[in-house]
Amino acid sequence: MAKKAASEKQEAKQDAFDALKGPKQRSIIIDMMVFCGGIGSLVWVLREMAAS
């Protein structure tokens, strides 16, 4: 019985600690790929507009 109460208390502590953590940080690799894709799309659109 005491072990069950202790494990519940430990689980409650862990839940409280997890709630204090911020959101998971996004990968800089993914962010850079999205950024490069956006810049590439912008360049392509401007190039197509200038051609006509």
C-alpha atoms as a PDB file:
ATOM      1  CA  MET A   1       0.000   0.000   0.000  1.00  0.00           C
ATOM      2  CA  ALA A   2       2.795   2.399   0.909  1.00  0.00           C
ATOM      3  CA  LYS A   3       4.614   1.635  -2.343  1.00  0.00           C
ATOM      4  CA  LYS A   4       1.467   2.380  -4.345  1.00  0.00           C
ATOM      5  CA  ALA A   5       1.001   5.726  -2.584  1.00  0.00           C
ATOM      6  CA  ALA A   6       4.676   6.556  -3.110  1.00  0.00           C
ATOM      7  CA  SER A   7       4.504   5.727  -6.819  1.00  0.00           C
ATOM      8  CA  GLU A   8       1.366   7.856  -7.206  1.00  0.00           C
ATOM      9  CA  LYS A   9       3.123  10.721  -5.451  1.00  0.00           C
ATOM     10  CA  GLN A  10       6.162  10.298  -7.713  1.00  0.00           C
ATOM     11  CA  GLU A  11       3.910  10.234 -10.777  1.00  0.00           C
ATOM     12  CA  ALA A  12       2.184  13.426  -9.646  1.00  0.00           C
ATOM     13  CA  LYS A  13       5.577  15.088  -9.194  1.00  0.00           C
ATOM     14  CA  GLN A  14       6.624  13.998 -12.674  1.00  0.00           C
ATOM     15  CA  ASP A  15       3.386  15.320 -14.190  1.00  0.00           C
ATOM     16  CA  ALA A  16       3.892  18.673 -12.458  1.00  0.00           C
ATOM     17  CA  PHE A  17       7.487  18.840 -13.682  1.00  0.00           C
ATOM     18  CA  ASP A  18       6.442  18.000 -17.247  1.00  0.00           C
ATOM     19  CA  ALA A  19       3.823  20.768 -17.133  1.00  0.00           C
ATOM     20  CA  LEU A  20       6.535  23.305 -16.309  1.00  0.00           C
ATOM     21  CA  LYS A  21       8.602  22.390 -19.355  1.00  0.00           C
ATOM     22  CA  GLY A  22       8.097  24.552 -22.408  1.00  0.00           C
ATOM     23  CA  PRO A  23       7.048  23.187 -25.754  1.00  0.00           C
ATOM     24  CA  LYS A  24       9.569  21.025 -27.553  1.00  0.00           C
ATOM     25  CA  GLN A  25      11.963  23.114 -29.605  1.00  0.00           C
ATOM     26  CA  ARG A  26      11.711  22.662 -33.346  1.00  0.00           C
ATOM     27  CA  SER A  27      14.679  21.408 -35.276  1.00  0.00           C
ATOM     28  CA  ILE A  28      16.849  24.133 -36.815  1.00  0.00           C
ATOM     29  CA  ILE A  29      17.383  21.840 -39.816  1.00  0.00           C
ATOM     30  CA  ILE A  30      13.653  21.751 -40.581  1.00  0.00           C
ATOM     31  CA  ASP A  31      13.380  25.520 -40.102  1.00  0.00           C
ATOM     32  CA  MET A  32      16.268  26.161 -42.499  1.00  0.00           C
ATOM     33  CA  MET A  33      14.789  23.826 -45.130  1.00  0.00           C
ATOM     34  CA  VAL A  34      11.448  25.646 -44.951  1.00  0.00           C
ATOM     35  CA  PHE A  35      13.216  29.017 -45.138  1.00  0.00           C
ATOM     36  CA  CYS A  36      15.251  27.981 -48.190  1.00  0.00           C
ATOM     37  CA  GLY A  37      12.125  26.635 -49.864  1.00  0.00           C
ATOM     38  CA  GLY A  38      10.342  29.925 -49.284  1.00  0.00           C
ATOM     39  CA  ILE A  39      13.231  31.944 -50.682  1.00  0.00           C
ATOM     40  CA  GLY A  40      13.458  29.620 -53.695  1.00  0.00           C
ATOM     41  CA  SER A  41       9.737  30.012 -54.364  1.00  0.00           C
ATOM     42  CA  LEU A  42       9.998  33.784 -54.114  1.00  0.00           C
ATOM     43  CA  VAL A  43      12.921  33.884 -56.552  1.00  0.00           C
ATOM     44  CA  TRP A  44      11.065  31.617 -58.985  1.00  0.00           C
ATOM     45  CA  VAL A  45       7.930  33.804 -58.891  1.00  0.00           C
ATOM     46  CA  LEU A  46       9.927  37.020 -59.365  1.00  0.00           C
ATOM     47  CA  ARG A  47      11.874  35.462 -62.229  1.00  0.00           C
ATOM     48  CA  GLU A  48       8.648  34.375 -63.934  1.00  0.00           C
ATOM     49  CA  MET A  49       7.137  37.837 -63.492  1.00  0.00           C
ATOM     50  CA  ALA A  50      10.219  39.529 -64.937  1.00  0.00           C
ATOM     51  CA  ALA A  51      10.248  37.234 -67.979  1.00  0.00           C
ATOM     52  CA  SER A  52       6.837  38.340 -69.188  1.00  0.00           C
END
